[in-house]
Amino acid sequence: MQFSSIVVMARPGSAAHVASGLSALPGIEIFARDEPTGRFVVVQEAPDATAHENGFRNIQALPGVVGAWLVSHAIDDEGDRA
C-alpha cells in the first residue's frame, strides 16, 4: 500500500468545485482545506505505484486546479507479508 500527502492549489473562486472533484476521486481524502486561499491538503492511499501515479495525475487534471505538489510518500509492505 502506498500513502502520500499532497498540497493542492485551486484557482480563485474554484475551491468548492475542486473540493467536490477531489472527494469524487478514489483513494483521496481531504485532510485540510482553506477555501478562501484555495489550498487543500489531501491524503492519497493507493494499492501500488501505478495507481498512486494515476491518482496524482487525476488530481492535477481536475478543472480549477492550478497545481498539486507531493509533500510526502510512504510505502507499507507489512500488509503484503501475511
PDB file of N, CA and C in Angstrom:
ATOM      1  N   MET A   1       0.850  -1.171   0.000  1.00  0.00           N
ATOM      2  CA  MET A   1       0.000   0.000   0.000  1.00  0.00           C
ATOM      3  C   MET A   1       0.895   1.234   0.000  1.00  0.00           C
ATOM      4  N   GLN A   2       0.486   2.232  -0.742  1.00  0.00           N
ATOM      5  CA  GLN A   2       1.243   3.481  -0.820  1.00  0.00           C
ATOM      6  C   GLN A   2       0.385   4.619  -0.296  1.00  0.00           C
ATOM      7  N   PHE A   3       1.014   5.488   0.480  1.00  0.00           N
ATOM      8  CA  PHE A   3       0.340   6.626   1.086  1.00  0.00           C
ATOM      9  C   PHE A   3       1.104   7.888   0.734  1.00  0.00           C
ATOM     10  N   SER A   4       0.392   8.975   0.496  1.00  0.00           N
ATOM     11  CA  SER A   4       1.072  10.239   0.237  1.00  0.00           C
ATOM     12  C   SER A   4       0.224  11.394   0.724  1.00  0.00           C
ATOM     13  N   SER A   5       0.904  12.487   1.006  1.00  0.00           N
ATOM     14  CA  SER A   5       0.191  13.731   1.287  1.00  0.00           C
ATOM     15  C   SER A   5       0.531  14.689   0.156  1.00  0.00           C
ATOM     16  N   ILE A   6      -0.484  15.407  -0.287  1.00  0.00           N
ATOM     17  CA  ILE A   6      -0.372  16.258  -1.465  1.00  0.00           C
ATOM     18  C   ILE A   6      -1.020  17.603  -1.153  1.00  0.00           C
ATOM     19  N   VAL A   7      -0.327  18.678  -1.498  1.00  0.00           N
ATOM     20  CA  VAL A   7      -0.912  20.010  -1.392  1.00  0.00           C
ATOM     21  C   VAL A   7      -1.487  20.362  -2.752  1.00  0.00           C
ATOM     22  N   VAL A   8      -2.734  20.809  -2.748  1.00  0.00           N
ATOM     23  CA  VAL A   8      -3.437  21.160  -3.985  1.00  0.00           C
ATOM     24  C   VAL A   8      -3.828  22.631  -3.913  1.00  0.00           C
ATOM     25  N   MET A   9      -3.604  23.352  -4.994  1.00  0.00           N
ATOM     26  CA  MET A   9      -3.977  24.767  -5.067  1.00  0.00           C
ATOM     27  C   MET A   9      -5.017  24.943  -6.152  1.00  0.00           C
ATOM     28  N   ALA A  10      -6.143  25.575  -5.767  1.00  0.00           N
ATOM     29  CA  ALA A  10      -7.234  25.833  -6.706  1.00  0.00           C
ATOM     30  C   ALA A  10      -7.168  27.270  -7.206  1.00  0.00           C
ATOM     31  N   ARG A  11      -7.687  27.490  -8.399  1.00  0.00           N
ATOM     32  CA  ARG A  11      -7.811  28.853  -8.930  1.00  0.00           C
ATOM     33  C   ARG A  11      -8.774  29.638  -8.046  1.00  0.00           C
ATOM     34  N   PRO A  12      -8.615  30.951  -7.969  1.00  0.00           N
ATOM     35  CA  PRO A  12      -9.554  31.758  -7.188  1.00  0.00           C
ATOM     36  C   PRO A  12     -11.000  31.501  -7.636  1.00  0.00           C
ATOM     37  N   GLY A  13     -11.862  31.293  -6.664  1.00  0.00           N
ATOM     38  CA  GLY A  13     -13.265  31.045  -6.948  1.00  0.00           C
ATOM     39  C   GLY A  13     -13.606  29.613  -7.316  1.00  0.00           C
ATOM     40  N   SER A  14     -12.605  28.738  -7.376  1.00  0.00           N
ATOM     41  CA  SER A  14     -12.833  27.352  -7.792  1.00  0.00           C
ATOM     42  C   SER A  14     -12.719  26.346  -6.654  1.00  0.00           C
ATOM     43  N   ALA A  15     -12.517  26.816  -5.433  1.00  0.00           N
ATOM     44  CA  ALA A  15     -12.245  25.895  -4.324  1.00  0.00           C
ATOM     45  C   ALA A  15     -13.379  24.897  -4.096  1.00  0.00           C
ATOM     46  N   ALA A  16     -14.611  25.344  -4.129  1.00  0.00           N
ATOM     47  CA  ALA A  16     -15.730  24.430  -3.894  1.00  0.00           C
ATOM     48  C   ALA A  16     -15.801  23.370  -4.990  1.00  0.00           C
ATOM     49  N   HIS A  17     -15.582  23.783  -6.224  1.00  0.00           N
ATOM     50  CA  HIS A  17     -15.605  22.847  -7.351  1.00  0.00           C
ATOM     51  C   HIS A  17     -14.458  21.835  -7.236  1.00  0.00           C
ATOM     52  N   VAL A  18     -13.270  22.313  -6.860  1.00  0.00           N
ATOM     53  CA  VAL A  18     -12.113  21.427  -6.699  1.00  0.00           C
ATOM     54  C   VAL A  18     -12.357  20.459  -5.542  1.00  0.00           C
ATOM     55  N   ALA A  19     -12.924  20.944  -4.439  1.00  0.00           N
ATOM     56  CA  ALA A  19     -13.224  20.070  -3.297  1.00  0.00           C
ATOM     57  C   ALA A  19     -14.161  18.947  -3.717  1.00  0.00           C
ATOM     58  N   SER A  20     -15.140  19.268  -4.499  1.00  0.00           N
ATOM     59  CA  SER A  20     -16.081  18.272  -4.986  1.00  0.00           C
ATOM     60  C   SER A  20     -15.378  17.250  -5.881  1.00  0.00           C
ATOM     61  N   GLY A  21     -14.498  17.726  -6.750  1.00  0.00           N
ATOM     62  CA  GLY A  21     -13.746  16.823  -7.621  1.00  0.00           C
ATOM     63  C   GLY A  21     -12.801  15.923  -6.850  1.00  0.00           C
ATOM     64  N   LEU A  22     -12.130  16.485  -5.852  1.00  0.00           N
ATOM     65  CA  LEU A  22     -11.222  15.686  -5.027  1.00  0.00           C
ATOM     66  C   LEU A  22     -11.983  14.593  -4.292  1.00  0.00           C
ATOM     67  N   SER A  23     -13.129  14.946  -3.739  1.00  0.00           N
ATOM     68  CA  SER A  23     -13.932  13.983  -2.980  1.00  0.00           C
ATOM     69  C   SER A  23     -14.420  12.827  -3.853  1.00  0.00           C
ATOM     70  N   ALA A  24     -14.545  13.067  -5.143  1.00  0.00           N
ATOM     71  CA  ALA A  24     -15.028  12.029  -6.052  1.00  0.00           C
ATOM     72  C   ALA A  24     -13.938  11.056  -6.495  1.00  0.00           C
ATOM     73  N   LEU A  25     -12.676  11.398  -6.255  1.00  0.00           N
ATOM     74  CA  LEU A  25     -11.586  10.528  -6.696  1.00  0.00           C
ATOM     75  C   LEU A  25     -11.385   9.378  -5.708  1.00  0.00           C
ATOM     76  N   PRO A  26     -11.187   8.158  -6.213  1.00  0.00           N
ATOM     77  CA  PRO A  26     -10.970   7.017  -5.309  1.00  0.00           C
ATOM     78  C   PRO A  26      -9.629   7.128  -4.588  1.00  0.00           C
ATOM     79  N   GLY A  27      -9.630   6.781  -3.314  1.00  0.00           N
ATOM     80  CA  GLY A  27      -8.399   6.772  -2.532  1.00  0.00           C
ATOM     81  C   GLY A  27      -7.946   8.132  -2.046  1.00  0.00           C
ATOM     82  N   ILE A  28      -8.747   9.172  -2.291  1.00  0.00           N
ATOM     83  CA  ILE A  28      -8.376  10.537  -1.904  1.00  0.00           C
ATOM     84  C   ILE A  28      -9.255  10.995  -0.753  1.00  0.00           C
ATOM     85  N   GLU A  29      -8.622  11.553   0.268  1.00  0.00           N
ATOM     86  CA  GLU A  29      -9.355  12.141   1.392  1.00  0.00           C
ATOM     87  C   GLU A  29      -8.829  13.555   1.622  1.00  0.00           C
ATOM     88  N   ILE A  30      -9.732  14.506   1.723  1.00  0.00           N
ATOM     89  CA  ILE A  30      -9.324  15.877   2.041  1.00  0.00           C
ATOM     90  C   ILE A  30      -9.047  15.933   3.536  1.00  0.00           C
ATOM     91  N   PHE A  31      -7.798  16.211   3.878  1.00  0.00           N
ATOM     92  CA  PHE A  31      -7.379  16.258   5.278  1.00  0.00           C
ATOM     93  C   PHE A  31      -7.579  17.656   5.859  1.00  0.00           C
ATOM     94  N   ALA A  32      -7.284  18.675   5.060  1.00  0.00           N
ATOM     95  CA  ALA A  32      -7.447  20.067   5.497  1.00  0.00           C
ATOM     96  C   ALA A  32      -7.762  20.910   4.273  1.00  0.00           C
ATOM     97  N   ARG A  33      -8.508  21.996   4.511  1.00  0.00           N
ATOM     98  CA  ARG A  33      -8.828  22.897   3.400  1.00  0.00           C
ATOM     99  C   ARG A  33      -8.912  24.318   3.911  1.00  0.00           C
ATOM    100  N   ASP A  34      -8.523  25.227   3.033  1.00  0.00           N
ATOM    101  CA  ASP A  34      -8.650  26.659   3.289  1.00  0.00           C
ATOM    102  C   ASP A  34      -9.262  27.245   2.028  1.00  0.00           C
ATOM    103  N   GLU A  35     -10.580  27.222   1.956  1.00  0.00           N
ATOM    104  CA  GLU A  35     -11.260  27.635   0.729  1.00  0.00           C
ATOM    105  C   GLU A  35     -10.989  29.079   0.337  1.00  0.00           C
ATOM    106  N   PRO A  36     -10.847  30.023   1.291  1.00  0.00           N
ATOM    107  CA  PRO A  36     -10.559  31.393   0.855  1.00  0.00           C
ATOM    108  C   PRO A  36      -9.248  31.519   0.053  1.00  0.00           C
ATOM    109  N   THR A  37      -8.252  30.695   0.378  1.00  0.00           N
ATOM    110  CA  THR A  37      -6.984  30.747  -0.360  1.00  0.00           C
ATOM    111  C   THR A  37      -6.905  29.680  -1.451  1.00  0.00           C
ATOM    112  N   GLY A  38      -7.858  28.734  -1.453  1.00  0.00           N
ATOM    113  CA  GLY A  38      -7.857  27.680  -2.458  1.00  0.00           C
ATOM    114  C   GLY A  38      -6.857  26.579  -2.201  1.00  0.00           C
ATOM    115  N   ARG A  39      -6.401  26.442  -0.958  1.00  0.00           N
ATOM    116  CA  ARG A  39      -5.397  25.419  -0.625  1.00  0.00           C
ATOM    117  C   ARG A  39      -6.044  24.226   0.064  1.00  0.00           C
ATOM    118  N   PHE A  40      -5.585  23.050  -0.334  1.00  0.00           N
ATOM    119  CA  PHE A  40      -6.054  21.798   0.244  1.00  0.00           C
ATOM    120  C   PHE A  40      -4.850  20.926   0.575  1.00  0.00           C
ATOM    121  N   VAL A  41      -4.987  20.134   1.620  1.00  0.00           N
ATOM    122  CA  VAL A  41      -4.052  19.056   1.897  1.00  0.00           C
ATOM    123  C   VAL A  41      -4.862  17.777   1.777  1.00  0.00           C
ATOM    124  N   VAL A  42      -4.419  16.903   0.889  1.00  0.00           N
ATOM    125  CA  VAL A  42      -5.131  15.646   0.698  1.00  0.00           C
ATOM    126  C   VAL A  42      -4.205  14.484   1.020  1.00  0.00           C
ATOM    127  N   VAL A  43      -4.814  13.395   1.429  1.00  0.00           N
ATOM    128  CA  VAL A  43      -4.094  12.150   1.667  1.00  0.00           C
ATOM    129  C   VAL A  43      -4.567  11.163   0.613  1.00  0.00           C
ATOM    130  N   GLN A  44      -3.605  10.524  -0.017  1.00  0.00           N
ATOM    131  CA  GLN A  44      -3.922   9.531  -1.046  1.00  0.00           C
ATOM    132  C   GLN A  44      -3.461   8.166  -0.571  1.00  0.00           C
ATOM    133  N   GLU A  45      -4.321   7.171  -0.748  1.00  0.00           N
ATOM    134  CA  GLU A  45      -3.982   5.783  -0.461  1.00  0.00           C
ATOM    135  C   GLU A  45      -4.163   5.007  -1.753  1.00  0.00           C
ATOM    136  N   ALA A  46      -3.130   4.276  -2.159  1.00  0.00           N
ATOM    137  CA  ALA A  46      -3.183   3.532  -3.418  1.00  0.00           C
ATOM    138  C   ALA A  46      -2.538   2.166  -3.229  1.00  0.00           C
ATOM    139  N   PRO A  47      -3.033   1.148  -3.919  1.00  0.00           N
ATOM    140  CA  PRO A  47      -2.506  -0.198  -3.731  1.00  0.00           C
ATOM    141  C   PRO A  47      -1.112  -0.426  -4.329  1.00  0.00           C
ATOM    142  N   ASP A  48      -0.736   0.363  -5.334  1.00  0.00           N
ATOM    143  CA  ASP A  48       0.564   0.163  -5.973  1.00  0.00           C
ATOM    144  C   ASP A  48       1.035   1.467  -6.619  1.00  0.00           C
ATOM    145  N   ALA A  49       2.248   1.441  -7.178  1.00  0.00           N
ATOM    146  CA  ALA A  49       2.847   2.645  -7.756  1.00  0.00           C
ATOM    147  C   ALA A  49       2.055   3.182  -8.941  1.00  0.00           C
ATOM    148  N   THR A  50       1.517   2.304  -9.764  1.00  0.00           N
ATOM    149  CA  THR A  50       0.752   2.749 -10.928  1.00  0.00           C
ATOM    150  C   THR A  50      -0.504   3.492 -10.496  1.00  0.00           C
ATOM    151  N   ALA A  51      -1.234   2.926  -9.544  1.00  0.00           N
ATOM    152  CA  ALA A  51      -2.445   3.577  -9.038  1.00  0.00           C
ATOM    153  C   ALA A  51      -2.105   4.889  -8.347  1.00  0.00           C
ATOM    154  N   HIS A  52      -0.965   4.921  -7.659  1.00  0.00           N
ATOM    155  CA  HIS A  52      -0.534   6.142  -6.981  1.00  0.00           C
ATOM    156  C   HIS A  52      -0.265   7.246  -8.004  1.00  0.00           C
ATOM    157  N   GLU A  53       0.472   6.925  -9.034  1.00  0.00           N
ATOM    158  CA  GLU A  53       0.785   7.905 -10.073  1.00  0.00           C
ATOM    159  C   GLU A  53      -0.475   8.365 -10.801  1.00  0.00           C
ATOM    160  N   ASN A  54      -1.359   7.428 -11.115  1.00  0.00           N
ATOM    161  CA  ASN A  54      -2.606   7.795 -11.794  1.00  0.00           C
ATOM    162  C   ASN A  54      -3.462   8.708 -10.923  1.00  0.00           C
ATOM    163  N   GLY A  55      -3.519   8.435  -9.632  1.00  0.00           N
ATOM    164  CA  GLY A  55      -4.280   9.286  -8.720  1.00  0.00           C
ATOM    165  C   GLY A  55      -3.726  10.695  -8.677  1.00  0.00           C
ATOM    166  N   PHE A  56      -2.398  10.810  -8.632  1.00  0.00           N
ATOM    167  CA  PHE A  56      -1.763  12.123  -8.607  1.00  0.00           C
ATOM    168  C   PHE A  56      -2.060  12.886  -9.905  1.00  0.00           C
ATOM    169  N   ARG A  57      -1.987  12.208 -11.026  1.00  0.00           N
ATOM    170  CA  ARG A  57      -2.290  12.849 -12.319  1.00  0.00           C
ATOM    171  C   ARG A  57      -3.757  13.263 -12.407  1.00  0.00           C
ATOM    172  N   ASN A  58      -4.634  12.451 -11.825  1.00  0.00           N
ATOM    173  CA  ASN A  58      -6.060  12.799 -11.819  1.00  0.00           C
ATOM    174  C   ASN A  58      -6.310  14.064 -11.006  1.00  0.00           C
ATOM    175  N   ILE A  59      -5.602  14.224  -9.912  1.00  0.00           N
ATOM    176  CA  ILE A  59      -5.719  15.450  -9.113  1.00  0.00           C
ATOM    177  C   ILE A  59      -5.266  16.646  -9.954  1.00  0.00           C
ATOM    178  N   GLN A  60      -4.117  16.527 -10.594  1.00  0.00           N
ATOM    179  CA  GLN A  60      -3.586  17.621 -11.406  1.00  0.00           C
ATOM    180  C   GLN A  60      -4.519  17.993 -12.555  1.00  0.00           C
ATOM    181  N   ALA A  61      -5.280  17.032 -13.053  1.00  0.00           N
ATOM    182  CA  ALA A  61      -6.142  17.261 -14.217  1.00  0.00           C
ATOM    183  C   ALA A  61      -7.526  17.802 -13.860  1.00  0.00           C
ATOM    184  N   LEU A  62      -7.841  17.889 -12.566  1.00  0.00           N
ATOM    185  CA  LEU A  62      -9.165  18.391 -12.190  1.00  0.00           C
ATOM    186  C   LEU A  62      -9.343  19.833 -12.654  1.00  0.00           C
ATOM    187  N   PRO A  63     -10.504  20.154 -13.199  1.00  0.00           N
ATOM    188  CA  PRO A  63     -10.766  21.542 -13.573  1.00  0.00           C
ATOM    189  C   PRO A  63     -10.664  22.460 -12.354  1.00  0.00           C
ATOM    190  N   GLY A  64      -9.970  23.561 -12.515  1.00  0.00           N
ATOM    191  CA  GLY A  64      -9.805  24.523 -11.437  1.00  0.00           C
ATOM    192  C   GLY A  64      -8.541  24.339 -10.622  1.00  0.00           C
ATOM    193  N   VAL A  65      -7.801  23.248 -10.848  1.00  0.00           N
ATOM    194  CA  VAL A  65      -6.560  23.015 -10.105  1.00  0.00           C
ATOM    195  C   VAL A  65      -5.412  23.749 -10.792  1.00  0.00           C
ATOM    196  N   VAL A  66      -4.721  24.586 -10.033  1.00  0.00           N
ATOM    197  CA  VAL A  66      -3.545  25.291 -10.539  1.00  0.00           C
ATOM    198  C   VAL A  66      -2.333  24.373 -10.468  1.00  0.00           C
ATOM    199  N   GLY A  67      -2.222  23.635  -9.363  1.00  0.00           N
ATOM    200  CA  GLY A  67      -1.089  22.737  -9.199  1.00  0.00           C
ATOM    201  C   GLY A  67      -1.296  21.792  -8.038  1.00  0.00           C
ATOM    202  N   ALA A  68      -0.511  20.720  -8.041  1.00  0.00           N
ATOM    203  CA  ALA A  68      -0.517  19.745  -6.954  1.00  0.00           C
ATOM    204  C   ALA A  68       0.930  19.357  -6.697  1.00  0.00           C
ATOM    205  N   TRP A  69       1.299  19.324  -5.422  1.00  0.00           N
ATOM    206  CA  TRP A  69       2.673  19.054  -5.035  1.00  0.00           C
ATOM    207  C   TRP A  69       2.718  17.929  -4.027  1.00  0.00           C
ATOM    208  N   LEU A  70       3.527  16.919  -4.324  1.00  0.00           N
ATOM    209  CA  LEU A  70       3.720  15.795  -3.428  1.00  0.00           C
ATOM    210  C   LEU A  70       4.588  16.254  -2.264  1.00  0.00           C
ATOM    211  N   VAL A  71       4.086  16.077  -1.041  1.00  0.00           N
ATOM    212  CA  VAL A  71       4.816  16.508   0.145  1.00  0.00           C
ATOM    213  C   VAL A  71       5.514  15.321   0.802  1.00  0.00           C
ATOM    214  N   SER A  72       4.806  14.205   0.912  1.00  0.00           N
ATOM    215  CA  SER A  72       5.431  13.012   1.488  1.00  0.00           C
ATOM    216  C   SER A  72       4.831  11.768   0.832  1.00  0.00           C
ATOM    217  N   HIS A  73       5.621  10.702   0.868  1.00  0.00           N
ATOM    218  CA  HIS A  73       5.211   9.450   0.257  1.00  0.00           C
ATOM    219  C   HIS A  73       5.784   8.314   1.085  1.00  0.00           C
ATOM    220  N   ALA A  74       4.960   7.305   1.357  1.00  0.00           N
ATOM    221  CA  ALA A  74       5.423   6.149   2.128  1.00  0.00           C
ATOM    222  C   ALA A  74       4.832   4.883   1.527  1.00  0.00           C
ATOM    223  N   ILE A  75       5.599   3.813   1.633  1.00  0.00           N
ATOM    224  CA  ILE A  75       5.148   2.502   1.166  1.00  0.00           C
ATOM    225  C   ILE A  75       5.099   1.585   2.371  1.00  0.00           C
ATOM    226  N   ASP A  76       3.959   0.933   2.559  1.00  0.00           N
ATOM    227  CA  ASP A  76       3.789  -0.009   3.663  1.00  0.00           C
ATOM    228  C   ASP A  76       3.636  -1.395   3.081  1.00  0.00           C
ATOM    229  N   ASP A  77       4.702  -2.175   3.163  1.00  0.00           N
ATOM    230  CA  ASP A  77       4.676  -3.540   2.656  1.00  0.00           C
ATOM    231  C   ASP A  77       4.287  -4.541   3.740  1.00  0.00           C
ATOM    232  N   GLU A  78       4.111  -4.094   4.967  1.00  0.00           N
ATOM    233  CA  GLU A  78       3.794  -5.005   6.065  1.00  0.00           C
ATOM    234  C   GLU A  78       2.524  -5.803   5.797  1.00  0.00           C
ATOM    235  N   GLY A  79       1.492  -5.163   5.257  1.00  0.00           N
ATOM    236  CA  GLY A  79       0.239  -5.835   4.995  1.00  0.00           C
ATOM    237  C   GLY A  79       0.352  -6.890   3.909  1.00  0.00           C
ATOM    238  N   ASP A  80       1.395  -6.816   3.078  1.00  0.00           N
ATOM    239  CA  ASP A  80       1.566  -7.758   1.978  1.00  0.00           C
ATOM    240  C   ASP A  80       2.266  -9.049   2.412  1.00  0.00           C
ATOM    241  N   ARG A  81       2.730  -9.126   3.650  1.00  0.00           N
ATOM    242  CA  ARG A  81       3.507 -10.274   4.101  1.00  0.00           C
ATOM    243  C   ARG A  81       2.692 -11.319   4.829  1.00  0.00           C
ATOM    244  N   ALA A  82       1.384 -11.195   4.832  1.00  0.00           N
ATOM    245  CA  ALA A  82       0.547 -12.130   5.596  1.00  0.00           C
ATOM    246  C   ALA A  82       0.566 -13.521   5.006  1.00  0.00           C
TER     247      ALA A  82
END
